[in-house]
Amino acid sequence: MAEHLASVDPGDEGPLVITQNAAVDVPVICIGGSNGLAPEPKSFDNYLASIATPAADEEVYILEGYAHLDVLTAANNGAVPLLEDWINRVQQKKLLESF
């Protein structure tokens, strides 16, 4: 969202000055809600294109029927198992790379 707002008028940096995206080189998970501000995987395209994380370390999920804040606050939140699985896989990959 911030990436989109910052790109609306590139001459007006406003409160959303994005200067460090190119330095982001860690695994990334993006979770949107089909009824929210990021309803489709392409909603994250600008952000993912602005970071240094390899595509193999980027994951995007859209939770059907969720609105923007539901991804953070819903009871029986569908984002929780996604995050749990993602964290476990990132930790396993990091552990295996240490050998």
Protein backbone atom coordinates (compact mmCIF):
# COMPACT_ATOMS: atom_id res chain seq x y z
CA MET A 1 0.00 0.00 0.00
CA ALA A 2 2.74 2.47 0.95
CA GLU A 3 4.56 1.61 -2.28
CA HIS A 4 1.42 2.46 -4.27
CA LEU A 5 0.77 5.72 -2.42
CA ALA A 6 4.37 6.80 -2.80
CA SER A 7 4.24 6.14 -6.56
CA VAL A 8 1.04 8.13 -7.19
CA ASP A 9 3.01 11.38 -7.45
CA PRO A 10 6.75 10.65 -7.52
CA GLY A 11 7.51 14.38 -7.18
CA ASP A 12 5.66 14.53 -3.85
CA GLU A 13 7.51 12.38 -1.34
CA GLY A 14 4.96 13.18 1.37
CA PRO A 15 5.05 11.02 4.52
CA LEU A 16 5.76 7.79 2.62
CA VAL A 17 9.35 8.19 1.51
CA ILE A 18 10.51 4.72 0.50
CA THR A 19 14.29 4.66 0.38
CA GLN A 20 15.40 1.28 1.69
CA ASN A 21 13.43 -1.26 -0.37
CA ALA A 22 16.40 -2.07 -2.61
CA ALA A 23 18.29 -3.26 0.49
CA VAL A 24 15.63 -5.83 1.45
CA ASP A 25 17.12 -9.25 0.72
CA VAL A 26 15.30 -11.61 3.06
CA PRO A 27 12.44 -14.07 2.51
CA VAL A 28 9.13 -12.23 2.16
CA ILE A 29 5.54 -13.35 2.63
CA CYS A 30 2.71 -11.11 1.42
CA ILE A 31 -0.82 -11.79 2.60
CA GLY A 32 -3.80 -9.89 1.24
CA GLY A 33 -7.55 -10.17 1.59
CA SER A 34 -9.81 -10.57 -1.43
CA ASN A 35 -12.08 -7.83 -0.04
CA GLY A 36 -9.26 -5.55 1.12
CA LEU A 37 -6.58 -3.20 -0.15
CA ALA A 38 -4.54 -6.04 -1.70
CA PRO A 39 -7.19 -8.27 -3.29
CA GLU A 40 -5.00 -9.93 -5.94
CA PRO A 41 -1.44 -11.26 -6.05
CA LYS A 42 -0.54 -8.49 -8.51
CA SER A 43 -1.31 -6.00 -5.70
CA PHE A 44 2.17 -6.81 -4.40
CA ASP A 45 4.00 -6.60 -7.75
CA ASN A 46 5.40 -3.09 -7.28
CA TYR A 47 6.69 -3.90 -3.82
CA LEU A 48 8.23 -7.21 -4.85
CA ALA A 49 9.87 -5.57 -7.88
CA SER A 50 11.40 -2.93 -5.61
CA ILE A 51 13.24 -5.33 -3.28
CA ALA A 52 16.37 -7.45 -3.74
CA THR A 53 14.78 -10.68 -2.48
CA PRO A 54 15.01 -13.42 -5.12
CA ALA A 55 11.64 -14.51 -6.54
CA ALA A 56 12.19 -17.99 -5.08
CA ASP A 57 12.06 -16.42 -1.59
CA GLU A 58 8.85 -14.45 -2.21
CA GLU A 59 5.40 -15.85 -1.47
CA VAL A 60 2.02 -14.21 -2.00
CA TYR A 61 -1.30 -15.41 -0.60
CA ILE A 62 -4.81 -13.95 -0.89
CA LEU A 63 -7.32 -14.93 1.80
CA GLU A 64 -10.76 -15.22 0.24
CA GLY A 65 -13.45 -13.11 1.90
CA TYR A 66 -11.02 -11.21 4.12
CA ALA A 67 -10.81 -7.42 4.25
CA HIS A 68 -7.64 -5.50 5.03
CA LEU A 69 -7.66 -5.73 8.84
CA ASP A 70 -9.09 -9.26 8.88
CA VAL A 71 -5.64 -10.52 7.87
CA LEU A 72 -4.43 -9.19 11.23
CA THR A 73 -7.43 -9.58 13.52
CA ALA A 74 -9.85 -12.30 12.33
CA ALA A 75 -10.88 -15.07 14.71
CA ASN A 76 -9.73 -18.45 13.38
CA ASN A 77 -7.39 -16.42 11.19
CA GLY A 78 -6.38 -18.13 7.94
CA ALA A 79 -3.14 -16.14 7.92
CA VAL A 80 -1.85 -17.94 11.03
CA PRO A 81 -1.23 -21.37 9.44
CA LEU A 82 0.28 -19.67 6.38
CA LEU A 83 2.72 -17.75 8.58
CA GLU A 84 3.50 -20.77 10.74
CA ASP A 85 4.32 -22.90 7.70
CA TRP A 86 6.35 -20.10 6.09
CA ILE A 87 8.38 -19.46 9.26
CA ASN A 88 9.12 -23.18 9.63
CA ARG A 89 10.27 -23.45 6.01
CA VAL A 90 12.46 -20.34 6.26
CA GLN A 91 14.05 -21.67 9.47
CA GLN A 92 14.66 -25.10 7.93
CA LYS A 93 16.24 -23.56 4.83
CA LYS A 94 18.50 -21.37 6.96
CA LEU A 95 19.50 -24.34 9.10
CA LEU A 96 20.31 -26.48 6.06
CA GLU A 97 22.37 -23.66 4.53
CA SER A 98 24.49 -23.51 7.69
CA PHE A 99 25.97 -26.99 7.08
